[in-house]
PDB file of N, CA and C in Angstrom:
ATOM      1  N   UNK A   1       0.904  -1.098  -0.067  1.00  0.00           N
ATOM      2  CA  UNK A   1      -0.030  -0.033  -0.052  1.00  0.00           C
ATOM      3  C   UNK A   1       0.900   1.200   0.009  1.00  0.00           C
ATOM      4  N   UNK A   2       0.669   2.058  -0.885  1.00  0.00           N
ATOM      5  CA  UNK A   2       1.305   3.361  -0.979  1.00  0.00           C
ATOM      6  C   UNK A   2       0.307   4.317  -0.741  1.00  0.00           C
ATOM      7  N   UNK A   3       0.558   5.304   0.320  1.00  0.00           N
ATOM      8  CA  UNK A   3      -0.438   6.253   0.629  1.00  0.00           C
ATOM      9  C   UNK A   3      -0.371   7.378  -0.492  1.00  0.00           C
ATOM     10  N   UNK A   4       0.612   7.756  -1.058  1.00  0.00           N
ATOM     11  CA  UNK A   4       0.580   8.815  -2.067  1.00  0.00           C
ATOM     12  C   UNK A   4      -0.152   8.327  -3.339  1.00  0.00           C
ATOM     13  N   UNK A   5      -0.192   7.303  -3.854  1.00  0.00           N
ATOM     14  CA  UNK A   5      -0.914   6.733  -5.018  1.00  0.00           C
ATOM     15  C   UNK A   5      -1.997   5.998  -4.950  1.00  0.00           C
ATOM     16  N   UNK A   6      -2.277   5.047  -3.935  1.00  0.00           N
ATOM     17  CA  UNK A   6      -3.342   4.135  -3.745  1.00  0.00           C
ATOM     18  C   UNK A   6      -4.568   4.918  -3.119  1.00  0.00           C
ATOM     19  N   UNK A   7      -5.714   4.533  -3.682  1.00  0.00           N
ATOM     20  CA  UNK A   7      -6.998   5.030  -2.969  1.00  0.00           C
ATOM     21  C   UNK A   7      -7.744   3.978  -2.460  1.00  0.00           C
ATOM     22  N   UNK A   8      -8.622   4.300  -1.539  1.00  0.00           N
ATOM     23  CA  UNK A   8      -9.421   3.301  -0.808  1.00  0.00           C
ATOM     24  C   UNK A   8     -10.554   2.939  -1.785  1.00  0.00           C
ATOM     25  N   UNK A   9     -10.926   1.753  -1.822  1.00  0.00           N
ATOM     26  CA  UNK A   9     -11.929   1.395  -2.766  1.00  0.00           C
ATOM     27  C   UNK A   9     -12.747   0.175  -1.976  1.00  0.00           C
ATOM     28  N   UNK A  10     -14.054   0.189  -2.271  1.00  0.00           N
ATOM     29  CA  UNK A  10     -14.837  -1.078  -1.706  1.00  0.00           C
ATOM     30  C   UNK A  10     -14.405  -2.224  -2.335  1.00  0.00           C
ATOM     31  N   UNK A  11     -14.263  -3.392  -1.674  1.00  0.00           N
ATOM     32  CA  UNK A  11     -13.981  -4.656  -2.249  1.00  0.00           C
ATOM     33  C   UNK A  11     -15.024  -5.103  -3.168  1.00  0.00           C
ATOM     34  N   UNK A  12     -14.715  -5.821  -4.180  1.00  0.00           N
ATOM     35  CA  UNK A  12     -15.761  -6.347  -5.264  1.00  0.00           C
ATOM     36  C   UNK A  12     -16.472  -7.476  -4.740  1.00  0.00           C
ATOM     37  N   UNK A  13     -16.064  -8.091  -3.576  1.00  0.00           N
ATOM     38  CA  UNK A  13     -16.618  -9.286  -2.965  1.00  0.00           C
ATOM     39  C   UNK A  13     -17.789  -8.952  -2.054  1.00  0.00           C
ATOM     40  N   UNK A  14     -18.128  -7.647  -1.768  1.00  0.00           N
ATOM     41  CA  UNK A  14     -19.219  -7.264  -0.980  1.00  0.00           C
ATOM     42  C   UNK A  14     -20.626  -7.577  -1.650  1.00  0.00           C
ATOM     43  N   UNK A  15     -21.601  -8.015  -0.999  1.00  0.00           N
ATOM     44  CA  UNK A  15     -23.105  -8.246  -1.590  1.00  0.00           C
ATOM     45  C   UNK A  15     -23.498  -6.809  -2.104  1.00  0.00           C
ATOM     46  N   UNK A  16     -24.065  -6.793  -3.329  1.00  0.00           N
ATOM     47  CA  UNK A  16     -24.633  -5.595  -3.763  1.00  0.00           C
ATOM     48  C   UNK A  16     -26.158  -5.807  -4.183  1.00  0.00           C
ATOM     49  N   UNK A  17     -26.986  -4.805  -3.697  1.00  0.00           N
ATOM     50  CA  UNK A  17     -28.471  -4.980  -4.159  1.00  0.00           C
ATOM     51  C   UNK A  17     -28.746  -4.122  -5.382  1.00  0.00           C
ATOM     52  N   UNK A  18     -29.214  -4.851  -6.366  1.00  0.00           N
ATOM     53  CA  UNK A  18     -29.566  -4.012  -7.613  1.00  0.00           C
ATOM     54  C   UNK A  18     -31.125  -4.225  -7.835  1.00  0.00           C
ATOM     55  N   UNK A  19     -31.786  -3.109  -7.782  1.00  0.00           N
ATOM     56  CA  UNK A  19     -33.205  -3.117  -8.054  1.00  0.00           C
ATOM     57  C   UNK A  19     -33.649  -3.216  -9.599  1.00  0.00           C
ATOM     58  N   UNK A  20     -34.533  -3.957 -10.037  1.00  0.00           N
ATOM     59  CA  UNK A  20     -34.842  -4.216 -11.448  1.00  0.00           C
ATOM     60  C   UNK A  20     -36.354  -4.022 -11.499  1.00  0.00           C
ATOM     61  N   UNK A  21     -36.925  -3.259 -12.415  1.00  0.00           N
ATOM     62  CA  UNK A  21     -38.363  -3.028 -12.468  1.00  0.00           C
ATOM     63  C   UNK A  21     -38.822  -3.749 -13.672  1.00  0.00           C
ATOM     64  N   UNK A  22     -39.565  -4.839 -13.588  1.00  0.00           N
ATOM     65  CA  UNK A  22     -40.226  -5.581 -14.759  1.00  0.00           C
ATOM     66  C   UNK A  22     -41.671  -5.316 -14.836  1.00  0.00           C
ATOM     67  N   UNK A  23     -42.266  -5.817 -15.832  1.00  0.00           N
ATOM     68  CA  UNK A  23     -43.702  -5.503 -16.080  1.00  0.00           C
ATOM     69  C   UNK A  23     -44.618  -6.096 -14.887  1.00  0.00           C
ATOM     70  N   UNK A  24     -44.345  -7.174 -14.472  1.00  0.00           N
ATOM     71  CA  UNK A  24     -45.191  -7.871 -13.437  1.00  0.00           C
ATOM     72  C   UNK A  24     -44.651  -7.930 -12.099  1.00  0.00           C
ATOM     73  N   UNK A  25     -43.373  -7.622 -11.902  1.00  0.00           N
ATOM     74  CA  UNK A  25     -42.738  -7.789 -10.666  1.00  0.00           C
ATOM     75  C   UNK A  25     -41.776  -6.694 -10.238  1.00  0.00           C
ATOM     76  N   UNK A  26     -41.585  -6.283  -8.999  1.00  0.00           N
ATOM     77  CA  UNK A  26     -40.508  -5.521  -8.531  1.00  0.00           C
ATOM     78  C   UNK A  26     -39.474  -6.508  -8.153  1.00  0.00           C
ATOM     79  N   UNK A  27     -38.195  -6.415  -8.852  1.00  0.00           N
ATOM     80  CA  UNK A  27     -37.292  -7.333  -8.614  1.00  0.00           C
ATOM     81  C   UNK A  27     -36.026  -6.756  -8.017  1.00  0.00           C
ATOM     82  N   UNK A  28     -35.448  -7.606  -7.208  1.00  0.00           N
ATOM     83  CA  UNK A  28     -34.056  -7.221  -6.456  1.00  0.00           C
ATOM     84  C   UNK A  28     -33.283  -8.335  -6.628  1.00  0.00           C
ATOM     85  N   UNK A  29     -32.014  -7.957  -7.188  1.00  0.00           N
ATOM     86  CA  UNK A  29     -30.854  -8.899  -7.323  1.00  0.00           C
ATOM     87  C   UNK A  29     -29.718  -8.631  -6.358  1.00  0.00           C
ATOM     88  N   UNK A  30     -29.430  -9.643  -5.520  1.00  0.00           N
ATOM     89  CA  UNK A  30     -28.395  -9.385  -4.564  1.00  0.00           C
ATOM     90  C   UNK A  30     -27.262 -10.273  -4.916  1.00  0.00           C
ATOM     91  N   UNK A  31     -26.121  -9.610  -5.538  1.00  0.00           N
ATOM     92  CA  UNK A  31     -25.031 -10.346  -5.987  1.00  0.00           C
ATOM     93  C   UNK A  31     -24.067 -10.567  -4.938  1.00  0.00           C
ATOM     94  N   UNK A  32     -23.097 -11.592  -5.321  1.00  0.00           N
ATOM     95  CA  UNK A  32     -21.936 -11.785  -4.616  1.00  0.00           C
ATOM     96  C   UNK A  32     -22.372 -12.323  -3.059  1.00  0.00           C
ATOM     97  N   UNK A  33     -23.433 -13.264  -3.124  1.00  0.00           N
ATOM     98  CA  UNK A  33     -23.653 -14.058  -1.960  1.00  0.00           C
ATOM     99  C   UNK A  33     -23.264 -15.455  -2.121  1.00  0.00           C
ATOM    100  N   UNK A  34     -22.265 -15.878  -1.313  1.00  0.00           N
ATOM    101  CA  UNK A  34     -21.639 -17.233  -1.538  1.00  0.00           C
ATOM    102  C   UNK A  34     -22.214 -18.471  -0.857  1.00  0.00           C
ATOM    103  N   UNK A  35     -23.343 -18.085  -0.058  1.00  0.00           N
ATOM    104  CA  UNK A  35     -23.860 -19.240   0.842  1.00  0.00           C
ATOM    105  C   UNK A  35     -24.922 -20.123  -0.062  1.00  0.00           C
ATOM    106  N   UNK A  36     -25.075 -21.305   0.384  1.00  0.00           N
ATOM    107  CA  UNK A  36     -25.999 -22.311  -0.413  1.00  0.00           C
ATOM    108  C   UNK A  36     -27.441 -21.713  -0.182  1.00  0.00           C
ATOM    109  N   UNK A  37     -28.262 -22.087  -1.140  1.00  0.00           N
ATOM    110  CA  UNK A  37     -29.681 -21.736  -1.177  1.00  0.00           C
ATOM    111  C   UNK A  37     -30.531 -21.949   0.140  1.00  0.00           C
ATOM    112  N   UNK A  38     -30.204 -23.078   0.700  1.00  0.00           N
ATOM    113  CA  UNK A  38     -30.875 -23.390   1.953  1.00  0.00           C
ATOM    114  C   UNK A  38     -30.580 -22.626   3.064  1.00  0.00           C
ATOM    115  N   UNK A  39     -29.683 -21.742   2.959  1.00  0.00           N
ATOM    116  CA  UNK A  39     -29.192 -20.735   4.094  1.00  0.00           C
ATOM    117  C   UNK A  39     -30.175 -19.600   4.140  1.00  0.00           C
ATOM    118  N   UNK A  40     -30.780 -19.139   3.121  1.00  0.00           N
ATOM    119  CA  UNK A  40     -31.598 -17.893   3.204  1.00  0.00           C
ATOM    120  C   UNK A  40     -32.959 -17.845   3.589  1.00  0.00           C
ATOM    121  N   UNK A  41     -33.306 -16.922   4.319  1.00  0.00           N
ATOM    122  CA  UNK A  41     -34.684 -16.837   4.813  1.00  0.00           C
ATOM    123  C   UNK A  41     -35.203 -15.475   4.371  1.00  0.00           C
ATOM    124  N   UNK A  42     -36.296 -15.436   3.781  1.00  0.00           N
ATOM    125  CA  UNK A  42     -37.012 -14.128   3.488  1.00  0.00           C
ATOM    126  C   UNK A  42     -38.373 -13.995   4.127  1.00  0.00           C
ATOM    127  N   UNK A  43     -38.569 -12.840   4.695  1.00  0.00           N
ATOM    128  CA  UNK A  43     -39.882 -12.413   5.262  1.00  0.00           C
ATOM    129  C   UNK A  43     -40.183 -10.993   4.983  1.00  0.00           C
ATOM    130  N   UNK A  44     -41.397 -10.621   5.353  1.00  0.00           N
ATOM    131  CA  UNK A  44     -41.945  -9.282   5.325  1.00  0.00           C
ATOM    132  C   UNK A  44     -42.094  -8.669   6.684  1.00  0.00           C
ATOM    133  N   UNK A  45     -41.425  -7.655   6.872  1.00  0.00           N
ATOM    134  CA  UNK A  45     -41.536  -6.960   8.308  1.00  0.00           C
ATOM    135  C   UNK A  45     -42.752  -5.908   8.213  1.00  0.00           C
ATOM    136  N   UNK A  46     -43.816  -6.345   8.958  1.00  0.00           N
ATOM    137  CA  UNK A  46     -45.040  -5.504   9.040  1.00  0.00           C
ATOM    138  C   UNK A  46     -44.855  -4.117   9.573  1.00  0.00           C
ATOM    139  N   UNK A  47     -44.020  -4.014  10.504  1.00  0.00           N
ATOM    140  CA  UNK A  47     -43.794  -2.671  11.182  1.00  0.00           C
ATOM    141  C   UNK A  47     -43.179  -1.608  10.144  1.00  0.00           C
ATOM    142  N   UNK A  48     -42.065  -2.034   9.436  1.00  0.00           N
ATOM    143  CA  UNK A  48     -41.345  -1.234   8.629  1.00  0.00           C
ATOM    144  C   UNK A  48     -41.705  -1.365   7.225  1.00  0.00           C
ATOM    145  N   UNK A  49     -42.594  -2.267   6.859  1.00  0.00           N
ATOM    146  CA  UNK A  49     -42.971  -2.536   5.420  1.00  0.00           C
ATOM    147  C   UNK A  49     -41.766  -2.721   4.442  1.00  0.00           C
ATOM    148  N   UNK A  50     -40.852  -3.685   4.920  1.00  0.00           N
ATOM    149  CA  UNK A  50     -39.731  -4.074   4.221  1.00  0.00           C
ATOM    150  C   UNK A  50     -39.579  -5.596   3.929  1.00  0.00           C
ATOM    151  N   UNK A  51     -38.775  -5.938   3.089  1.00  0.00           N
ATOM    152  CA  UNK A  51     -38.570  -7.247   2.779  1.00  0.00           C
ATOM    153  C   UNK A  51     -37.293  -7.574   3.482  1.00  0.00           C
ATOM    154  N   UNK A  52     -37.293  -8.602   4.314  1.00  0.00           N
ATOM    155  CA  UNK A  52     -36.090  -8.804   5.147  1.00  0.00           C
ATOM    156  C   UNK A  52     -35.436 -10.039   4.657  1.00  0.00           C
ATOM    157  N   UNK A  53     -34.042 -10.099   4.283  1.00  0.00           N
ATOM    158  CA  UNK A  53     -33.337 -11.098   3.800  1.00  0.00           C
ATOM    159  C   UNK A  53     -32.279 -11.371   4.932  1.00  0.00           C
ATOM    160  N   UNK A  54     -32.274 -12.691   5.441  1.00  0.00           N
ATOM    161  CA  UNK A  54     -31.229 -13.026   6.304  1.00  0.00           C
ATOM    162  C   UNK A  54     -30.784 -14.449   6.147  1.00  0.00           C
ATOM    163  N   UNK A  55     -29.522 -14.709   6.704  1.00  0.00           N
ATOM    164  CA  UNK A  55     -29.152 -16.123   6.481  1.00  0.00           C
ATOM    165  C   UNK A  55     -29.138 -16.763   7.933  1.00  0.00           C
ATOM    166  N   UNK A  56     -29.176 -18.147   7.815  1.00  0.00           N
ATOM    167  CA  UNK A  56     -29.273 -18.809   9.088  1.00  0.00           C
ATOM    168  C   UNK A  56     -27.919 -18.857   9.846  1.00  0.00           C
ATOM    169  N   UNK A  57     -26.886 -18.628   9.098  1.00  0.00           N
ATOM    170  CA  UNK A  57     -25.585 -18.548   9.883  1.00  0.00           C
ATOM    171  C   UNK A  57     -25.218 -17.241  10.283  1.00  0.00           C
ATOM    172  N   UNK A  58     -26.215 -16.137  10.094  1.00  0.00           N
ATOM    173  CA  UNK A  58     -26.060 -14.878  10.621  1.00  0.00           C
ATOM    174  C   UNK A  58     -24.876 -14.068  10.055  1.00  0.00           C
ATOM    175  N   UNK A  59     -24.608 -14.360   8.784  1.00  0.00           N
ATOM    176  CA  UNK A  59     -23.493 -13.707   8.094  1.00  0.00           C
ATOM    177  C   UNK A  59     -23.917 -12.532   7.192  1.00  0.00           C
ATOM    178  N   UNK A  60     -25.362 -12.530   6.801  1.00  0.00           N
ATOM    179  CA  UNK A  60     -25.801 -11.458   6.003  1.00  0.00           C
ATOM    180  C   UNK A  60     -27.325 -11.101   6.505  1.00  0.00           C
ATOM    181  N   UNK A  61     -27.565  -9.777   6.537  1.00  0.00           N
ATOM    182  CA  UNK A  61     -28.921  -9.293   6.941  1.00  0.00           C
ATOM    183  C   UNK A  61     -29.167  -8.027   6.238  1.00  0.00           C
ATOM    184  N   UNK A  62     -30.255  -7.939   5.569  1.00  0.00           N
ATOM    185  CA  UNK A  62     -30.601  -6.763   4.748  1.00  0.00           C
ATOM    186  C   UNK A  62     -32.236  -6.460   4.725  1.00  0.00           C
ATOM    187  N   UNK A  63     -32.495  -5.254   4.977  1.00  0.00           N
ATOM    188  CA  UNK A  63     -33.971  -4.840   4.765  1.00  0.00           C
ATOM    189  C   UNK A  63     -34.029  -4.094   3.511  1.00  0.00           C
ATOM    190  N   UNK A  64     -34.903  -4.535   2.650  1.00  0.00           N
ATOM    191  CA  UNK A  64     -35.240  -3.934   1.356  1.00  0.00           C
ATOM    192  C   UNK A  64     -36.507  -3.192   1.290  1.00  0.00           C
ATOM    193  N   UNK A  65     -36.475  -1.944   0.883  1.00  0.00           N
ATOM    194  CA  UNK A  65     -37.624  -1.089   0.832  1.00  0.00           C
ATOM    195  C   UNK A  65     -38.176  -1.236  -0.574  1.00  0.00           C
ATOM    196  N   UNK A  66     -39.491  -1.173  -0.844  1.00  0.00           N
ATOM    197  CA  UNK A  66     -40.088  -1.014  -2.108  1.00  0.00           C
ATOM    198  C   UNK A  66     -40.810   0.243  -2.158  1.00  0.00           C
ATOM    199  N   UNK A  67     -40.049   1.294  -2.816  1.00  0.00           N
ATOM    200  CA  UNK A  67     -40.616   2.668  -2.833  1.00  0.00           C
ATOM    201  C   UNK A  67     -41.835   2.861  -3.466  1.00  0.00           C
ATOM    202  N   UNK A  68     -42.261   2.191  -4.539  1.00  0.00           N
ATOM    203  CA  UNK A  68     -43.313   2.306  -5.266  1.00  0.00           C
ATOM    204  C   UNK A  68     -44.518   1.913  -4.423  1.00  0.00           C
ATOM    205  N   UNK A  69     -44.408   0.941  -3.660  1.00  0.00           N
ATOM    206  CA  UNK A  69     -45.437   0.494  -2.626  1.00  0.00           C
ATOM    207  C   UNK A  69     -45.652   1.498  -1.546  1.00  0.00           C
ATOM    208  N   UNK A  70     -44.541   2.117  -1.088  1.00  0.00           N
ATOM    209  CA  UNK A  70     -44.829   3.112  -0.105  1.00  0.00           C
ATOM    210  C   UNK A  70     -45.475   4.339  -0.606  1.00  0.00           C
ATOM    211  N   UNK A  71     -44.948   4.693  -1.856  1.00  0.00           N
ATOM    212  CA  UNK A  71     -45.662   6.034  -2.555  1.00  0.00           C
ATOM    213  C   UNK A  71     -47.216   5.774  -2.665  1.00  0.00           C
ATOM    214  N   UNK A  72     -47.600   4.551  -2.970  1.00  0.00           N
ATOM    215  CA  UNK A  72     -49.054   4.194  -3.227  1.00  0.00           C
ATOM    216  C   UNK A  72     -49.795   3.756  -1.957  1.00  0.00           C
ATOM    217  N   UNK A  73     -48.983   3.929  -0.803  1.00  0.00           N
ATOM    218  CA  UNK A  73     -49.621   3.665   0.497  1.00  0.00           C
ATOM    219  C   UNK A  73     -50.271   2.252   0.616  1.00  0.00           C
ATOM    220  N   UNK A  74     -49.511   1.264  -0.065  1.00  0.00           N
ATOM    221  CA  UNK A  74     -49.870  -0.197   0.008  1.00  0.00           C
ATOM    222  C   UNK A  74     -48.950  -1.001   0.872  1.00  0.00           C
ATOM    223  N   UNK A  75     -49.432  -1.888   1.592  1.00  0.00           N
ATOM    224  CA  UNK A  75     -48.646  -2.620   2.453  1.00  0.00           C
ATOM    225  C   UNK A  75     -48.117  -3.961   1.675  1.00  0.00           C
ATOM    226  N   UNK A  76     -46.880  -4.295   2.203  1.00  0.00           N
ATOM    227  CA  UNK A  76     -46.278  -5.552   1.496  1.00  0.00           C
ATOM    228  C   UNK A  76     -47.045  -6.884   2.146  1.00  0.00           C
ATOM    229  N   UNK A  77     -47.073  -7.793   1.341  1.00  0.00           N
ATOM    230  CA  UNK A  77     -47.676  -9.154   1.784  1.00  0.00           C
ATOM    231  C   UNK A  77     -46.779 -10.163   1.456  1.00  0.00           C
ATOM    232  N   UNK A  78     -46.537 -11.023   2.534  1.00  0.00           N
ATOM    233  CA  UNK A  78     -45.477 -12.128   2.302  1.00  0.00           C
ATOM    234  C   UNK A  78     -45.861 -13.141   1.182  1.00  0.00           C
ATOM    235  N   UNK A  79     -47.105 -13.285   0.848  1.00  0.00           N
ATOM    236  CA  UNK A  79     -47.618 -14.137  -0.170  1.00  0.00           C
ATOM    237  C   UNK A  79     -47.051 -13.695  -1.585  1.00  0.00           C
ATOM    238  N   UNK A  80     -46.765 -12.543  -1.730  1.00  0.00           N
ATOM    239  CA  UNK A  80     -46.380 -11.936  -3.095  1.00  0.00           C
ATOM    240  C   UNK A  80     -44.893 -11.971  -3.211  1.00  0.00           C
ATOM    241  N   UNK A  81     -44.010 -12.466  -2.248  1.00  0.00           N
ATOM    242  CA  UNK A  81     -42.621 -12.650  -2.341  1.00  0.00           C
ATOM    243  C   UNK A  81     -42.283 -14.075  -2.838  1.00  0.00           C
ATOM    244  N   UNK A  82     -41.369 -13.967  -3.904  1.00  0.00           N
ATOM    245  CA  UNK A  82     -40.788 -15.186  -4.473  1.00  0.00           C
ATOM    246  C   UNK A  82     -39.414 -15.059  -4.626  1.00  0.00           C
ATOM    247  N   UNK A  83     -38.577 -16.079  -4.404  1.00  0.00           N
ATOM    248  CA  UNK A  83     -36.995 -15.901  -4.569  1.00  0.00           C
ATOM    249  C   UNK A  83     -36.494 -17.211  -5.107  1.00  0.00           C
ATOM    250  N   UNK A  84     -35.356 -17.079  -5.890  1.00  0.00           N
ATOM    251  CA  UNK A  84     -34.494 -18.027  -6.267  1.00  0.00           C
ATOM    252  C   UNK A  84     -33.024 -17.745  -6.210  1.00  0.00           C
ATOM    253  N   UNK A  85     -32.112 -18.740  -6.070  1.00  0.00           N
ATOM    254  CA  UNK A  85     -30.770 -18.487  -5.845  1.00  0.00           C
ATOM    255  C   UNK A  85     -30.020 -19.278  -7.060  1.00  0.00           C
ATOM    256  N   UNK A  86     -29.073 -18.605  -7.739  1.00  0.00           N
ATOM    257  CA  UNK A  86     -28.375 -19.173  -8.821  1.00  0.00           C
ATOM    258  C   UNK A  86     -27.059 -18.253  -9.074  1.00  0.00           C
ATOM    259  N   UNK A  87     -26.043 -18.831  -9.313  1.00  0.00           N
ATOM    260  CA  UNK A  87     -24.683 -18.245  -9.652  1.00  0.00           C
ATOM    261  C   UNK A  87     -24.466 -17.005  -8.744  1.00  0.00           C
ATOM    262  N   UNK A  88     -24.450 -17.386  -7.515  1.00  0.00           N
ATOM    263  CA  UNK A  88     -24.072 -16.412  -6.253  1.00  0.00           C
ATOM    264  C   UNK A  88     -24.889 -15.174  -6.293  1.00  0.00           C
ATOM    265  N   UNK A  89     -26.135 -15.309  -6.840  1.00  0.00           N
ATOM    266  CA  UNK A  89     -27.081 -14.157  -6.847  1.00  0.00           C
ATOM    267  C   UNK A  89     -28.374 -14.580  -6.285  1.00  0.00           C
ATOM    268  N   UNK A  90     -29.015 -13.858  -5.396  1.00  0.00           N
ATOM    269  CA  UNK A  90     -30.353 -14.203  -4.912  1.00  0.00           C
ATOM    270  C   UNK A  90     -31.325 -13.212  -5.595  1.00  0.00           C
ATOM    271  N   UNK A  91     -32.202 -13.838  -6.378  1.00  0.00           N
ATOM    272  CA  UNK A  91     -33.229 -12.990  -7.061  1.00  0.00           C
ATOM    273  C   UNK A  91     -34.465 -12.991  -6.325  1.00  0.00           C
ATOM    274  N   UNK A  92     -34.977 -11.799  -5.918  1.00  0.00           N
ATOM    275  CA  UNK A  92     -36.131 -11.688  -5.213  1.00  0.00           C
ATOM    276  C   UNK A  92     -37.223 -10.991  -5.936  1.00  0.00           C
ATOM    277  N   UNK A  93     -38.381 -11.609  -6.191  1.00  0.00           N
ATOM    278  CA  UNK A  93     -39.583 -11.039  -6.927  1.00  0.00           C
ATOM    279  C   UNK A  93     -40.594 -10.717  -6.076  1.00  0.00           C
ATOM    280  N   UNK A  94     -41.228  -9.531  -6.246  1.00  0.00           N
ATOM    281  CA  UNK A  94     -42.310  -9.124  -5.383  1.00  0.00           C
ATOM    282  C   UNK A  94     -43.418  -8.879  -6.483  1.00  0.00           C
ATOM    283  N   UNK A  95     -44.556  -9.592  -6.502  1.00  0.00           N
ATOM    284  CA  UNK A  95     -45.484  -9.334  -7.580  1.00  0.00           C
ATOM    285  C   UNK A  95     -46.219  -7.869  -7.327  1.00  0.00           C
ATOM    286  N   UNK A  96     -46.314  -7.290  -8.424  1.00  0.00           N
ATOM    287  CA  UNK A  96     -47.010  -5.872  -8.383  1.00  0.00           C
ATOM    288  C   UNK A  96     -48.490  -6.113  -8.263  1.00  0.00           C
ATOM    289  N   UNK A  97     -49.063  -5.403  -7.341  1.00  0.00           N
ATOM    290  CA  UNK A  97     -50.631  -5.446  -7.100  1.00  0.00           C
ATOM    291  C   UNK A  97     -51.320  -4.741  -8.367  1.00  0.00           C
ATOM    292  N   UNK A  98     -52.605  -5.050  -8.462  1.00  0.00           N
ATOM    293  CA  UNK A  98     -53.317  -4.441  -9.468  1.00  0.00           C
ATOM    294  C   UNK A  98     -53.292  -2.859  -9.586  1.00  0.00           C
ATOM    295  N   UNK A  99     -53.347  -2.285  -8.381  1.00  0.00           N
ATOM    296  CA  UNK A  99     -53.231  -0.774  -8.228  1.00  0.00           C
ATOM    297  C   UNK A  99     -52.021  -0.273  -8.930  1.00  0.00           C
ATOM    298  N   UNK A 100     -50.931  -0.845  -8.969  1.00  0.00           N
ATOM    299  CA  UNK A 100     -49.731  -0.351  -9.527  1.00  0.00           C
ATOM    300  C   UNK A 100     -49.604  -0.710 -10.970  1.00  0.00           C
ATOM    301  N   UNK A 101     -50.172  -1.906 -11.359  1.00  0.00           N
ATOM    302  CA  UNK A 101     -50.068  -2.353 -12.766  1.00  0.00           C
ATOM    303  C   UNK A 101     -50.942  -1.291 -13.505  1.00  0.00           C
TER     304      UNK A 101
END
């Protein structure tokens, strides 16, 4: 490390949340998650109206807000959350309600 030329930068291995808006779903992709699919638990926090992602080994925890649902004053429902894990990426889909479609 040379203080005069090197700059601090975040590591490329940290998990990154990328929101993607599709026609039928609010989609969130969390990249760089190296744990097996059986490790992840997803739920909806009624108090803060967020999607909560956590691992059973307590290595990752994230609350994800859905701004469009907050703007429309609509609450999140756990039945509308689907997820899949592949290629170190956790893909979370939240089905858009008819009021937003």
